[in-house]
């Protein structure tokens, strides 16, 4: 016997917060990726490079946590940056933790990328002007984390 879902339920599910946020996240990612394309950098890679530059030598697990990524996703995104010599990955001899560090070339690229990123950031904030997106995202994230 096949179970049918009610059309009203399908209609209600089409308004899913998760679907909407994922769709929006893809659009925002594409927007920033276009801005960063001349520098051969994706916004996901930029966040890793910024994190590595901000913290100096940072354990892979800590950076993954800060960026909200799992370690395997982070490592997959780190590899092209290592290949371009923008990041270094080392095994800390004392703690046996894998650490990531921005190279001088990585920090120089951040300086070159900053104007393109800043322009995209200003445009995004202008589009969001008057909305309370920051508070909404914080409330949603905090509320969902507390339901674990």
Protein backbone atom coordinates (compact mmCIF):
# COMPACT_ATOMS: atom_id res chain seq x y z
CA UNK A 1 0.00 0.00 0.00
CA UNK A 2 1.47 3.34 -1.08
CA UNK A 3 1.20 6.27 1.29
CA UNK A 4 0.41 9.62 -0.33
CA UNK A 5 1.52 12.91 1.14
CA UNK A 6 -1.19 15.54 1.24
CA UNK A 7 -0.73 18.41 -1.25
CA UNK A 8 -1.08 20.86 1.65
CA UNK A 9 1.84 19.18 3.42
CA UNK A 10 4.00 19.40 0.28
CA UNK A 11 3.07 23.07 -0.08
CA UNK A 12 3.95 23.70 3.57
CA UNK A 13 7.30 21.90 3.22
CA UNK A 14 8.19 24.05 0.20
CA UNK A 15 8.50 26.95 2.66
CA UNK A 16 11.15 25.13 4.70
CA UNK A 17 13.56 27.49 6.49
CA UNK A 18 16.46 25.16 5.69
CA UNK A 19 15.63 25.08 1.95
CA UNK A 20 15.41 28.88 1.87
CA UNK A 21 18.66 29.39 3.79
CA UNK A 22 20.55 26.90 1.61
CA UNK A 23 19.25 28.57 -1.56
CA UNK A 24 20.24 31.97 -0.19
CA UNK A 25 23.64 30.68 0.89
CA UNK A 26 24.30 29.37 -2.62
CA UNK A 27 23.36 32.74 -4.14
CA UNK A 28 25.57 34.63 -1.67
CA UNK A 29 28.45 32.21 -2.27
CA UNK A 30 28.15 32.71 -6.04
CA UNK A 31 28.09 36.49 -5.55
CA UNK A 32 31.32 36.50 -3.52
CA UNK A 33 32.94 33.90 -5.80
CA UNK A 34 32.37 36.22 -8.79
CA UNK A 35 34.05 39.06 -6.90
CA UNK A 36 37.04 36.88 -5.98
CA UNK A 37 37.41 35.11 -9.34
CA UNK A 38 40.16 37.46 -10.65
CA UNK A 39 42.27 36.29 -7.70
CA UNK A 40 41.55 32.60 -8.39
CA UNK A 41 39.99 32.27 -4.97
CA UNK A 42 36.61 31.04 -3.77
CA UNK A 43 34.90 32.52 -0.75
CA UNK A 44 35.16 29.17 1.06
CA UNK A 45 38.92 29.28 0.53
CA UNK A 46 39.02 32.92 1.62
CA UNK A 47 37.45 32.04 4.97
CA UNK A 48 40.14 29.41 5.55
CA UNK A 49 42.92 31.80 4.56
CA UNK A 50 41.50 34.51 6.83
CA UNK A 51 41.22 32.04 9.72
CA UNK A 52 44.76 30.79 9.25
CA UNK A 53 46.07 34.38 9.05
CA UNK A 54 44.07 35.48 12.07
CA UNK A 55 45.22 32.73 14.41
CA UNK A 56 48.76 32.11 13.18
CA UNK A 57 49.45 28.39 13.49
CA UNK A 58 46.04 26.92 14.27
CA UNK A 59 45.13 23.26 14.84
CA UNK A 60 43.02 21.86 12.03
CA UNK A 61 40.27 20.80 14.45
CA UNK A 62 40.04 24.28 16.00
CA UNK A 63 39.86 26.01 12.61
CA UNK A 64 37.17 23.56 11.51
CA UNK A 65 35.17 24.39 14.62
CA UNK A 66 35.60 28.16 14.17
CA UNK A 67 34.50 27.92 10.53
CA UNK A 68 31.63 25.52 11.25
CA UNK A 69 33.08 22.82 8.98
CA UNK A 70 33.89 19.21 9.61
CA UNK A 71 37.58 18.32 9.44
CA UNK A 72 37.34 16.38 6.18
CA UNK A 73 35.61 19.27 4.39
CA UNK A 74 38.20 21.68 5.72
CA UNK A 75 41.07 19.45 4.65
CA UNK A 76 39.58 19.06 1.16
CA UNK A 77 39.42 22.88 0.86
CA UNK A 78 42.91 23.36 2.31
CA UNK A 79 44.64 21.20 -0.32
CA UNK A 80 44.35 23.67 -3.24
CA UNK A 81 45.62 26.46 -0.97
CA UNK A 82 48.62 24.35 0.02
CA UNK A 83 49.25 23.54 -3.65
CA UNK A 84 49.27 27.29 -4.41
CA UNK A 85 51.64 27.80 -1.45
CA UNK A 86 49.16 30.05 0.34
CA UNK A 87 48.96 27.74 3.37
CA UNK A 88 51.31 25.34 5.10
CA UNK A 89 50.18 22.25 6.96
CA UNK A 90 52.46 20.88 9.67
CA UNK A 91 52.28 18.19 12.32
CA UNK A 92 53.01 19.78 15.71
CA UNK A 93 55.69 17.53 17.18
CA UNK A 94 54.69 18.17 20.80
CA UNK A 95 50.95 17.68 20.60
CA UNK A 96 50.73 15.54 17.44
CA UNK A 97 48.06 17.92 16.08
CA UNK A 98 47.88 19.01 12.48
CA UNK A 99 48.33 22.78 12.28
CA UNK A 100 47.59 25.19 9.46
CA UNK A 101 49.47 28.42 8.91
CA UNK A 102 49.19 31.14 6.24
CA UNK A 103 52.36 31.65 4.25
CA UNK A 104 53.72 35.10 3.40
CA UNK A 105 52.23 34.55 -0.07
CA UNK A 106 48.86 33.77 1.49
CA UNK A 107 48.92 36.94 3.56
CA UNK A 108 49.98 38.94 0.48
CA UNK A 109 47.03 37.50 -1.45
CA UNK A 110 44.70 38.60 1.35
CA UNK A 111 46.00 42.15 0.93
CA UNK A 112 45.34 41.97 -2.84
CA UNK A 113 41.89 40.41 -2.38
CA UNK A 114 40.73 42.86 0.27
CA UNK A 115 39.46 45.62 -2.10
CA UNK A 116 37.37 43.14 -4.14
CA UNK A 117 36.03 41.51 -0.99
CA UNK A 118 35.27 44.90 0.59
CA UNK A 119 33.32 46.02 -2.48
CA UNK A 120 31.26 42.80 -2.44
CA UNK A 121 30.76 43.08 1.32
CA UNK A 122 29.55 46.67 1.02
CA UNK A 123 27.15 45.70 -1.78
CA UNK A 124 25.76 42.79 0.26
CA UNK A 125 25.29 44.98 3.32
CA UNK A 126 23.59 47.65 1.22
CA UNK A 127 21.13 45.07 -0.10
CA UNK A 128 20.45 43.96 3.48
CA UNK A 129 20.12 47.53 4.81
CA UNK A 130 17.15 47.89 7.09
CA UNK A 131 16.81 44.16 7.68
CA UNK A 132 17.68 42.55 10.97
CA UNK A 133 19.46 39.64 9.31
CA UNK A 134 22.33 39.46 11.77
CA UNK A 135 20.08 39.13 14.81
CA UNK A 136 17.86 36.63 13.00
CA UNK A 137 20.80 34.43 12.03
CA UNK A 138 22.23 34.56 15.54
CA UNK A 139 18.88 33.67 17.10
CA UNK A 140 18.29 30.83 14.66
CA UNK A 141 21.81 29.42 15.13
CA UNK A 142 21.67 29.68 18.94
CA UNK A 143 18.18 28.18 19.09
CA UNK A 144 19.09 25.24 16.88
CA UNK A 145 22.33 24.53 18.73
CA UNK A 146 20.44 24.39 22.03
CA UNK A 147 18.11 21.65 20.70
CA UNK A 148 20.93 19.11 20.28
